[in-house]
Structures are given as structure tokens and as C-alpha cells.
Amino acid sequence: MANTVERFSNRVENYVKYRPTYPPEILSLFRTEMNLQTASTIADIGAGTGISAKIFLENGNPVFAVEPNEAMRNAAT
């Protein structure tokens, strides 16, 4: 079985460069469908380079990001 934690270690630079972000409209959807508020705490499990965490941080949400891959975690930081 492949080591899934290290799977993206050699692709971090390309992931940061080419992985698209989420559209800002996603916040409206989360507000409507999941009652997202700025006081809502977000758990971003498998956060990668922090693409989804960023949109919530910019919305004012406290975010706890968990990323087991050191290279991806460093890119998120």
C-alpha cells in the first residue's frame, strides 16, 4: 500500500501553482444551507495547502487546519 501521507510531497509546488481556488459564492451557499456565521468554527481536515481554510479565514471564521503531510502543511503556513 502506498504511503498516503507523503503522496503529494513531490507535487506541492505544482499544487500551489495550479490548483484552483473555490469560488467566493461558496460562502453564500454555506450561509444558506449550513447556517455558516463568522462565529462558526471550521475544522479543515486534510487541509493540504490551505485553499479551503483561506476562504473561511477571510470570512472571519476561526479555522483549525489538520494536515499530516509536512510539505503541504508548510505551504499552507
N, C-alpha and C. Protein backbone atom coordinates (compact mmCIF):
# COMPACT_ATOMS: atom_id res chain seq x y z
N MET A 1 0.84 -1.19 0.00
CA MET A 1 0.00 0.00 0.00
C MET A 1 0.89 1.25 0.00
N ALA A 2 0.56 2.22 -0.80
CA ALA A 2 1.33 3.46 -0.89
C ALA A 2 1.14 4.29 0.38
N ASN A 3 2.15 5.07 0.71
CA ASN A 3 2.08 5.96 1.85
C ASN A 3 1.25 7.18 1.46
N THR A 4 0.03 7.25 1.92
CA THR A 4 -0.87 8.33 1.52
C THR A 4 -0.50 9.67 2.13
N VAL A 5 0.20 9.67 3.26
CA VAL A 5 0.60 10.93 3.89
C VAL A 5 1.62 11.66 3.02
N GLU A 6 2.52 10.94 2.42
CA GLU A 6 3.59 11.55 1.63
C GLU A 6 3.27 11.62 0.14
N ARG A 7 2.08 11.24 -0.24
CA ARG A 7 1.71 11.13 -1.65
C ARG A 7 1.94 12.40 -2.46
N PHE A 8 1.70 13.56 -1.86
CA PHE A 8 1.81 14.82 -2.59
C PHE A 8 3.10 15.58 -2.30
N SER A 9 4.00 15.01 -1.53
CA SER A 9 5.23 15.72 -1.15
C SER A 9 6.01 16.25 -2.34
N ASN A 10 6.09 15.49 -3.41
CA ASN A 10 6.86 15.94 -4.56
C ASN A 10 6.01 16.75 -5.55
N ARG A 11 4.80 17.10 -5.17
CA ARG A 11 3.92 17.86 -6.07
C ARG A 11 3.44 19.18 -5.46
N VAL A 12 3.97 19.54 -4.32
CA VAL A 12 3.46 20.72 -3.60
C VAL A 12 3.56 21.98 -4.45
N GLU A 13 4.68 22.21 -5.09
CA GLU A 13 4.85 23.42 -5.89
C GLU A 13 3.80 23.51 -6.99
N ASN A 14 3.56 22.42 -7.69
CA ASN A 14 2.54 22.42 -8.74
C ASN A 14 1.14 22.56 -8.15
N TYR A 15 0.91 21.96 -6.99
CA TYR A 15 -0.39 22.06 -6.34
C TYR A 15 -0.69 23.51 -6.00
N VAL A 16 0.30 24.20 -5.44
CA VAL A 16 0.13 25.62 -5.10
C VAL A 16 -0.08 26.45 -6.36
N LYS A 17 0.65 26.14 -7.40
CA LYS A 17 0.60 26.93 -8.63
C LYS A 17 -0.66 26.72 -9.46
N TYR A 18 -1.13 25.47 -9.53
CA TYR A 18 -2.20 25.15 -10.48
C TYR A 18 -3.55 24.79 -9.87
N ARG A 19 -3.61 24.47 -8.60
CA ARG A 19 -4.89 24.05 -8.00
C ARG A 19 -5.81 25.25 -7.91
N PRO A 20 -6.98 25.19 -8.51
CA PRO A 20 -7.89 26.34 -8.46
C PRO A 20 -8.44 26.57 -7.06
N THR A 21 -8.81 27.80 -6.80
CA THR A 21 -9.45 28.13 -5.53
C THR A 21 -10.95 27.89 -5.64
N TYR A 22 -11.61 27.97 -4.53
CA TYR A 22 -13.06 27.83 -4.53
C TYR A 22 -13.68 29.18 -4.87
N PRO A 23 -14.80 29.19 -5.57
CA PRO A 23 -15.44 30.47 -5.90
C PRO A 23 -15.97 31.14 -4.63
N PRO A 24 -15.90 32.46 -4.56
CA PRO A 24 -16.37 33.17 -3.37
C PRO A 24 -17.85 32.91 -3.07
N GLU A 25 -18.61 32.55 -4.10
CA GLU A 25 -20.05 32.27 -3.91
C GLU A 25 -20.30 31.08 -2.98
N ILE A 26 -19.27 30.29 -2.73
CA ILE A 26 -19.45 29.13 -1.87
C ILE A 26 -19.86 29.56 -0.46
N LEU A 27 -19.40 30.75 -0.04
CA LEU A 27 -19.78 31.24 1.29
C LEU A 27 -21.28 31.49 1.37
N SER A 28 -21.88 32.03 0.32
CA SER A 28 -23.33 32.25 0.30
C SER A 28 -24.07 30.92 0.43
N LEU A 29 -23.60 29.92 -0.28
CA LEU A 29 -24.20 28.60 -0.20
C LEU A 29 -24.11 28.05 1.22
N PHE A 30 -22.93 28.17 1.83
CA PHE A 30 -22.75 27.67 3.20
C PHE A 30 -23.60 28.46 4.20
N ARG A 31 -23.75 29.75 3.96
CA ARG A 31 -24.61 30.55 4.85
C ARG A 31 -26.06 30.09 4.75
N THR A 32 -26.52 29.86 3.53
CA THR A 32 -27.91 29.47 3.30
C THR A 32 -28.18 28.04 3.72
N GLU A 33 -27.34 27.12 3.32
CA GLU A 33 -27.61 25.70 3.52
C GLU A 33 -27.11 25.15 4.86
N MET A 34 -26.09 25.79 5.44
CA MET A 34 -25.49 25.24 6.66
C MET A 34 -25.42 26.26 7.79
N ASN A 35 -26.07 27.39 7.62
CA ASN A 35 -26.11 28.43 8.63
C ASN A 35 -24.71 28.90 9.04
N LEU A 36 -23.79 28.99 8.08
CA LEU A 36 -22.44 29.49 8.37
C LEU A 36 -22.53 30.92 8.86
N GLN A 37 -21.84 31.18 9.96
CA GLN A 37 -21.73 32.52 10.51
C GLN A 37 -20.26 32.80 10.77
N THR A 38 -19.90 34.07 10.95
CA THR A 38 -18.49 34.37 11.21
C THR A 38 -18.03 33.76 12.53
N ALA A 39 -18.95 33.47 13.42
CA ALA A 39 -18.60 32.83 14.69
C ALA A 39 -18.46 31.32 14.55
N SER A 40 -18.81 30.76 13.40
CA SER A 40 -18.70 29.31 13.19
C SER A 40 -17.23 28.91 13.14
N THR A 41 -16.88 27.90 13.91
CA THR A 41 -15.52 27.38 13.89
C THR A 41 -15.43 26.30 12.82
N ILE A 42 -14.38 26.37 12.03
CA ILE A 42 -14.20 25.45 10.90
C ILE A 42 -13.08 24.47 11.21
N ALA A 43 -13.31 23.20 10.95
CA ALA A 43 -12.27 22.17 11.01
C ALA A 43 -11.96 21.77 9.58
N ASP A 44 -10.76 22.04 9.14
CA ASP A 44 -10.32 21.69 7.78
C ASP A 44 -9.40 20.48 7.91
N ILE A 45 -9.97 19.30 7.75
CA ILE A 45 -9.23 18.05 7.91
C ILE A 45 -8.65 17.65 6.55
N GLY A 46 -7.36 17.40 6.52
CA GLY A 46 -6.69 17.16 5.24
C GLY A 46 -6.57 18.47 4.50
N ALA A 47 -6.10 19.49 5.17
CA ALA A 47 -6.12 20.86 4.68
C ALA A 47 -5.21 21.13 3.48
N GLY A 48 -4.29 20.24 3.22
CA GLY A 48 -3.39 20.46 2.09
C GLY A 48 -2.66 21.77 2.21
N THR A 49 -2.70 22.58 1.17
CA THR A 49 -2.01 23.87 1.17
C THR A 49 -2.89 24.99 1.73
N GLY A 50 -4.06 24.66 2.26
CA GLY A 50 -4.90 25.65 2.93
C GLY A 50 -5.86 26.40 2.04
N ILE A 51 -6.15 25.86 0.87
CA ILE A 51 -7.04 26.56 -0.07
C ILE A 51 -8.42 26.79 0.54
N SER A 52 -9.00 25.78 1.14
CA SER A 52 -10.33 25.98 1.73
C SER A 52 -10.25 26.75 3.03
N ALA A 53 -9.19 26.56 3.80
CA ALA A 53 -9.04 27.30 5.06
C ALA A 53 -8.99 28.81 4.78
N LYS A 54 -8.32 29.18 3.71
CA LYS A 54 -8.14 30.61 3.38
C LYS A 54 -9.48 31.33 3.20
N ILE A 55 -10.39 30.72 2.49
CA ILE A 55 -11.68 31.38 2.24
C ILE A 55 -12.46 31.60 3.55
N PHE A 56 -12.35 30.65 4.47
CA PHE A 56 -13.02 30.80 5.76
C PHE A 56 -12.31 31.82 6.64
N LEU A 57 -10.99 31.82 6.64
CA LEU A 57 -10.24 32.82 7.40
C LEU A 57 -10.58 34.23 6.92
N GLU A 58 -10.66 34.40 5.60
CA GLU A 58 -11.02 35.70 5.04
C GLU A 58 -12.44 36.10 5.39
N ASN A 59 -13.27 35.11 5.71
CA ASN A 59 -14.65 35.36 6.13
C ASN A 59 -14.73 35.69 7.62
N GLY A 60 -13.61 35.56 8.32
CA GLY A 60 -13.58 35.85 9.76
C GLY A 60 -13.78 34.64 10.64
N ASN A 61 -13.84 33.46 10.06
CA ASN A 61 -14.04 32.24 10.84
C ASN A 61 -12.74 31.78 11.49
N PRO A 62 -12.82 31.29 12.74
CA PRO A 62 -11.67 30.59 13.29
C PRO A 62 -11.55 29.24 12.59
N VAL A 63 -10.34 28.88 12.18
CA VAL A 63 -10.12 27.64 11.43
C VAL A 63 -9.04 26.81 12.12
N PHE A 64 -9.34 25.53 12.32
CA PHE A 64 -8.36 24.55 12.78
C PHE A 64 -8.06 23.66 11.59
N ALA A 65 -6.84 23.78 11.07
CA ALA A 65 -6.44 23.01 9.90
C ALA A 65 -5.54 21.86 10.35
N VAL A 66 -5.84 20.67 9.83
CA VAL A 66 -5.05 19.48 10.14
C VAL A 66 -4.52 18.93 8.82
N GLU A 67 -3.20 18.84 8.71
CA GLU A 67 -2.58 18.31 7.50
C GLU A 67 -1.37 17.46 7.91
N PRO A 68 -1.44 16.15 7.68
CA PRO A 68 -0.34 15.28 8.10
C PRO A 68 0.91 15.37 7.23
N ASN A 69 0.79 15.88 6.00
CA ASN A 69 1.94 15.96 5.10
C ASN A 69 2.70 17.24 5.40
N GLU A 70 3.94 17.09 5.83
CA GLU A 70 4.74 18.25 6.25
C GLU A 70 4.93 19.29 5.14
N ALA A 71 5.21 18.85 3.94
CA ALA A 71 5.42 19.78 2.83
C ALA A 71 4.15 20.57 2.51
N MET A 72 3.01 19.90 2.51
CA MET A 72 1.73 20.57 2.26
C MET A 72 1.43 21.54 3.40
N ARG A 73 1.65 21.09 4.62
CA ARG A 73 1.40 21.93 5.81
C ARG A 73 2.26 23.19 5.76
N ASN A 74 3.54 23.04 5.39
CA ASN A 74 4.43 24.20 5.29
C ASN A 74 3.94 25.18 4.23
N ALA A 75 3.43 24.67 3.13
CA ALA A 75 2.89 25.54 2.07
C ALA A 75 1.66 26.30 2.58
N ALA A 76 0.87 25.65 3.39
CA ALA A 76 -0.34 26.30 3.94
C ALA A 76 0.04 27.42 4.90
N THR A 77 1.08 27.18 5.65
CA THR A 77 1.51 28.17 6.63
C THR A 77 2.02 29.41 5.94
